[in-house]
Amino acid sequence: MPINWKYVIEEAKKVAYDFYREHGIALTLRGIFYTLVEKKVIPNTPSVYRTLSSKLSDARLLGLSLIHISEPTRPLYISYAVFCL
């Protein structure tokens, strides 16, 4: 079954917002990915992880409201953006 990326992005927005509201810090892309996997929104595969990263970046280019996050544990400093209401 194909992934409904519009639904996935909406769920990612909720996950990011809820985490920020509860903890006062932004969630990493990796954190969002594994939360969506745990909720069975997406499968746990490298290709889905890469696509999620790309989709979130694309949405940022559309001018949606964002919280800036980064992945400091990665070999190179990689920046991502996720949604916040």
N, C-alpha and C. Protein backbone atom coordinates (compact mmCIF):
# COMPACT_ATOMS: atom_id res chain seq x y z
N MET A 1 0.85 -1.18 0.00
CA MET A 1 0.00 0.00 0.00
C MET A 1 0.90 1.25 0.00
N PRO A 2 0.64 2.20 -0.89
CA PRO A 2 1.45 3.41 -0.94
C PRO A 2 1.24 4.28 0.31
N ILE A 3 2.25 5.06 0.62
CA ILE A 3 2.20 5.94 1.79
C ILE A 3 1.48 7.23 1.43
N ASN A 4 0.56 7.63 2.25
CA ASN A 4 -0.16 8.89 2.09
C ASN A 4 0.70 9.98 2.77
N TRP A 5 1.55 10.63 1.99
CA TRP A 5 2.50 11.57 2.57
C TRP A 5 1.84 12.81 3.15
N LYS A 6 0.71 13.20 2.64
CA LYS A 6 -0.01 14.34 3.23
C LYS A 6 -0.40 14.01 4.67
N TYR A 7 -0.90 12.80 4.88
CA TYR A 7 -1.26 12.35 6.23
C TYR A 7 -0.01 12.25 7.11
N VAL A 8 1.08 11.72 6.58
CA VAL A 8 2.32 11.57 7.34
C VAL A 8 2.83 12.94 7.80
N ILE A 9 2.80 13.93 6.92
CA ILE A 9 3.26 15.27 7.28
C ILE A 9 2.38 15.87 8.37
N GLU A 10 1.08 15.66 8.28
CA GLU A 10 0.18 16.16 9.34
C GLU A 10 0.51 15.49 10.67
N GLU A 11 0.76 14.20 10.65
CA GLU A 11 1.12 13.49 11.88
C GLU A 11 2.47 13.97 12.40
N ALA A 12 3.41 14.24 11.51
CA ALA A 12 4.72 14.75 11.92
C ALA A 12 4.57 16.11 12.62
N LYS A 13 3.69 16.95 12.09
CA LYS A 13 3.42 18.24 12.72
C LYS A 13 2.91 18.06 14.14
N LYS A 14 1.98 17.13 14.32
CA LYS A 14 1.42 16.86 15.65
C LYS A 14 2.49 16.35 16.60
N VAL A 15 3.30 15.40 16.13
CA VAL A 15 4.36 14.83 16.95
C VAL A 15 5.34 15.92 17.40
N ALA A 16 5.77 16.76 16.46
CA ALA A 16 6.73 17.83 16.77
C ALA A 16 6.13 18.82 17.76
N TYR A 17 4.90 19.21 17.52
CA TYR A 17 4.25 20.19 18.39
C TYR A 17 4.07 19.63 19.80
N ASP A 18 3.57 18.40 19.90
CA ASP A 18 3.34 17.80 21.21
C ASP A 18 4.64 17.64 21.99
N PHE A 19 5.70 17.22 21.31
CA PHE A 19 6.99 17.06 21.98
C PHE A 19 7.51 18.41 22.46
N TYR A 20 7.42 19.42 21.61
CA TYR A 20 7.89 20.76 21.98
C TYR A 20 7.09 21.31 23.16
N ARG A 21 5.80 21.12 23.13
CA ARG A 21 4.94 21.61 24.20
C ARG A 21 5.26 20.91 25.52
N GLU A 22 5.51 19.61 25.45
CA GLU A 22 5.78 18.84 26.66
C GLU A 22 7.18 19.04 27.22
N HIS A 23 8.18 19.15 26.34
CA HIS A 23 9.57 19.18 26.79
C HIS A 23 10.27 20.53 26.61
N GLY A 24 9.68 21.41 25.82
CA GLY A 24 10.27 22.72 25.61
C GLY A 24 11.46 22.73 24.66
N ILE A 25 11.69 21.63 23.97
CA ILE A 25 12.77 21.56 22.99
C ILE A 25 12.24 20.91 21.72
N ALA A 26 12.92 21.18 20.62
CA ALA A 26 12.49 20.63 19.34
C ALA A 26 12.94 19.17 19.22
N LEU A 27 12.16 18.39 18.56
CA LEU A 27 12.45 16.98 18.31
C LEU A 27 13.23 16.86 17.01
N THR A 28 14.20 15.96 16.97
CA THR A 28 14.98 15.75 15.76
C THR A 28 14.16 15.00 14.71
N LEU A 29 14.63 15.07 13.50
CA LEU A 29 14.01 14.29 12.43
C LEU A 29 13.96 12.82 12.80
N ARG A 30 15.07 12.32 13.34
CA ARG A 30 15.14 10.91 13.75
C ARG A 30 14.07 10.60 14.80
N GLY A 31 13.89 11.51 15.75
CA GLY A 31 12.86 11.32 16.77
C GLY A 31 11.46 11.29 16.19
N ILE A 32 11.21 12.18 15.24
CA ILE A 32 9.91 12.20 14.58
C ILE A 32 9.71 10.90 13.80
N PHE A 33 10.74 10.49 13.08
CA PHE A 33 10.65 9.26 12.29
C PHE A 33 10.29 8.07 13.17
N TYR A 34 11.03 7.87 14.26
CA TYR A 34 10.77 6.70 15.10
C TYR A 34 9.44 6.79 15.84
N THR A 35 8.99 7.99 16.14
CA THR A 35 7.66 8.13 16.74
C THR A 35 6.58 7.73 15.73
N LEU A 36 6.74 8.15 14.48
CA LEU A 36 5.77 7.77 13.44
C LEU A 36 5.83 6.27 13.17
N VAL A 37 7.02 5.67 13.23
CA VAL A 37 7.14 4.22 13.08
C VAL A 37 6.40 3.52 14.22
N GLU A 38 6.64 3.99 15.45
CA GLU A 38 5.99 3.39 16.62
C GLU A 38 4.47 3.47 16.52
N LYS A 39 3.97 4.57 15.98
CA LYS A 39 2.52 4.75 15.82
C LYS A 39 1.99 4.01 14.59
N LYS A 40 2.88 3.34 13.87
CA LYS A 40 2.53 2.59 12.66
C LYS A 40 1.99 3.48 11.53
N VAL A 41 2.47 4.72 11.50
CA VAL A 41 2.10 5.64 10.44
C VAL A 41 2.95 5.36 9.20
N ILE A 42 4.22 4.99 9.42
CA ILE A 42 5.15 4.69 8.34
C ILE A 42 5.97 3.45 8.70
N PRO A 43 6.51 2.75 7.70
CA PRO A 43 7.38 1.61 7.99
C PRO A 43 8.80 2.09 8.32
N ASN A 44 9.54 1.24 9.02
CA ASN A 44 10.90 1.54 9.42
C ASN A 44 11.88 1.07 8.35
N THR A 45 12.08 1.91 7.34
CA THR A 45 13.04 1.60 6.27
C THR A 45 13.88 2.83 5.97
N PRO A 46 15.12 2.63 5.52
CA PRO A 46 15.95 3.78 5.16
C PRO A 46 15.33 4.66 4.07
N SER A 47 14.67 4.05 3.11
CA SER A 47 14.09 4.86 2.03
C SER A 47 12.94 5.74 2.54
N VAL A 48 12.16 5.24 3.49
CA VAL A 48 11.08 6.06 4.05
C VAL A 48 11.67 7.19 4.89
N TYR A 49 12.75 6.92 5.61
CA TYR A 49 13.43 7.97 6.38
C TYR A 49 13.91 9.09 5.45
N ARG A 50 14.55 8.71 4.36
CA ARG A 50 15.04 9.72 3.39
C ARG A 50 13.88 10.50 2.78
N THR A 51 12.80 9.81 2.46
CA THR A 51 11.65 10.48 1.87
C THR A 51 11.00 11.43 2.87
N LEU A 52 10.89 11.02 4.13
CA LEU A 52 10.34 11.90 5.16
C LEU A 52 11.19 13.16 5.27
N SER A 53 12.50 13.01 5.29
CA SER A 53 13.39 14.17 5.34
C SER A 53 13.14 15.11 4.17
N SER A 54 13.04 14.54 2.99
CA SER A 54 12.80 15.33 1.78
C SER A 54 11.45 16.02 1.81
N LYS A 55 10.42 15.30 2.22
CA LYS A 55 9.06 15.88 2.28
C LYS A 55 8.99 17.03 3.27
N LEU A 56 9.65 16.88 4.43
CA LEU A 56 9.64 17.96 5.41
C LEU A 56 10.39 19.18 4.88
N SER A 57 11.48 18.94 4.19
CA SER A 57 12.22 20.06 3.58
C SER A 57 11.40 20.75 2.51
N ASP A 58 10.73 19.97 1.68
CA ASP A 58 9.87 20.54 0.64
C ASP A 58 8.76 21.39 1.25
N ALA A 59 8.16 20.90 2.32
CA ALA A 59 7.07 21.64 2.96
C ALA A 59 7.58 22.97 3.51
N ARG A 60 8.81 22.96 4.02
CA ARG A 60 9.39 24.21 4.52
C ARG A 60 9.49 25.24 3.40
N LEU A 61 9.85 24.78 2.22
CA LEU A 61 9.97 25.69 1.08
C LEU A 61 8.62 26.29 0.69
N LEU A 62 7.54 25.65 1.08
CA LEU A 62 6.20 26.18 0.80
C LEU A 62 5.78 27.26 1.79
N GLY A 63 6.66 27.54 2.75
CA GLY A 63 6.39 28.64 3.67
C GLY A 63 5.58 28.28 4.90
N LEU A 64 5.57 27.01 5.28
CA LEU A 64 4.83 26.63 6.47
C LEU A 64 5.61 27.02 7.72
N SER A 65 4.89 27.21 8.82
CA SER A 65 5.51 27.59 10.08
C SER A 65 6.39 26.45 10.60
N LEU A 66 7.60 26.79 11.01
CA LEU A 66 8.58 25.75 11.36
C LEU A 66 9.30 26.04 12.66
N ILE A 67 9.78 24.96 13.27
CA ILE A 67 10.78 25.05 14.32
C ILE A 67 12.04 24.45 13.72
N HIS A 68 13.15 25.14 13.85
CA HIS A 68 14.41 24.63 13.29
C HIS A 68 15.01 23.61 14.24
N ILE A 69 15.43 22.47 13.71
CA ILE A 69 16.08 21.44 14.51
C ILE A 69 17.31 20.97 13.79
N SER A 70 18.15 20.26 14.49
CA SER A 70 19.35 19.72 13.86
C SER A 70 19.61 18.31 14.36
N GLU A 71 20.50 17.63 13.69
CA GLU A 71 20.92 16.28 14.04
C GLU A 71 22.40 16.34 14.41
N PRO A 72 22.74 16.79 15.61
CA PRO A 72 24.15 16.97 15.96
C PRO A 72 24.92 15.66 16.10
N THR A 73 24.24 14.53 16.18
CA THR A 73 24.92 13.25 16.34
C THR A 73 25.35 12.66 15.00
N ARG A 74 24.96 13.25 13.92
CA ARG A 74 25.33 12.74 12.60
C ARG A 74 26.76 13.13 12.27
N PRO A 75 27.44 12.40 11.37
CA PRO A 75 28.84 12.70 11.05
C PRO A 75 29.07 14.13 10.59
N LEU A 76 28.21 14.65 9.78
CA LEU A 76 28.27 16.05 9.37
C LEU A 76 27.09 16.76 9.99
N TYR A 77 27.23 18.03 10.27
CA TYR A 77 26.14 18.79 10.85
C TYR A 77 25.05 18.96 9.81
N ILE A 78 23.91 18.33 10.03
CA ILE A 78 22.81 18.33 9.08
C ILE A 78 21.64 19.06 9.72
N SER A 79 21.10 20.03 9.04
CA SER A 79 19.95 20.77 9.57
C SER A 79 18.67 20.33 8.90
N TYR A 80 17.63 20.30 9.70
CA TYR A 80 16.29 19.96 9.21
C TYR A 80 15.32 20.97 9.80
N ALA A 81 14.13 20.97 9.29
CA ALA A 81 13.10 21.80 9.87
C ALA A 81 11.85 20.95 10.02
N VAL A 82 11.13 21.16 11.10
CA VAL A 82 9.88 20.47 11.31
C VAL A 82 8.81 21.48 11.65
N PHE A 83 7.61 21.05 11.57
CA PHE A 83 6.48 21.94 11.73
C PHE A 83 6.11 22.17 13.18
N CYS A 84 5.61 23.32 13.45
CA CYS A 84 5.02 23.62 14.73
C CYS A 84 3.80 24.49 14.48
N LEU A 85 2.76 24.25 15.22
CA LEU A 85 1.55 25.06 15.06
C LEU A 85 1.73 26.41 15.70
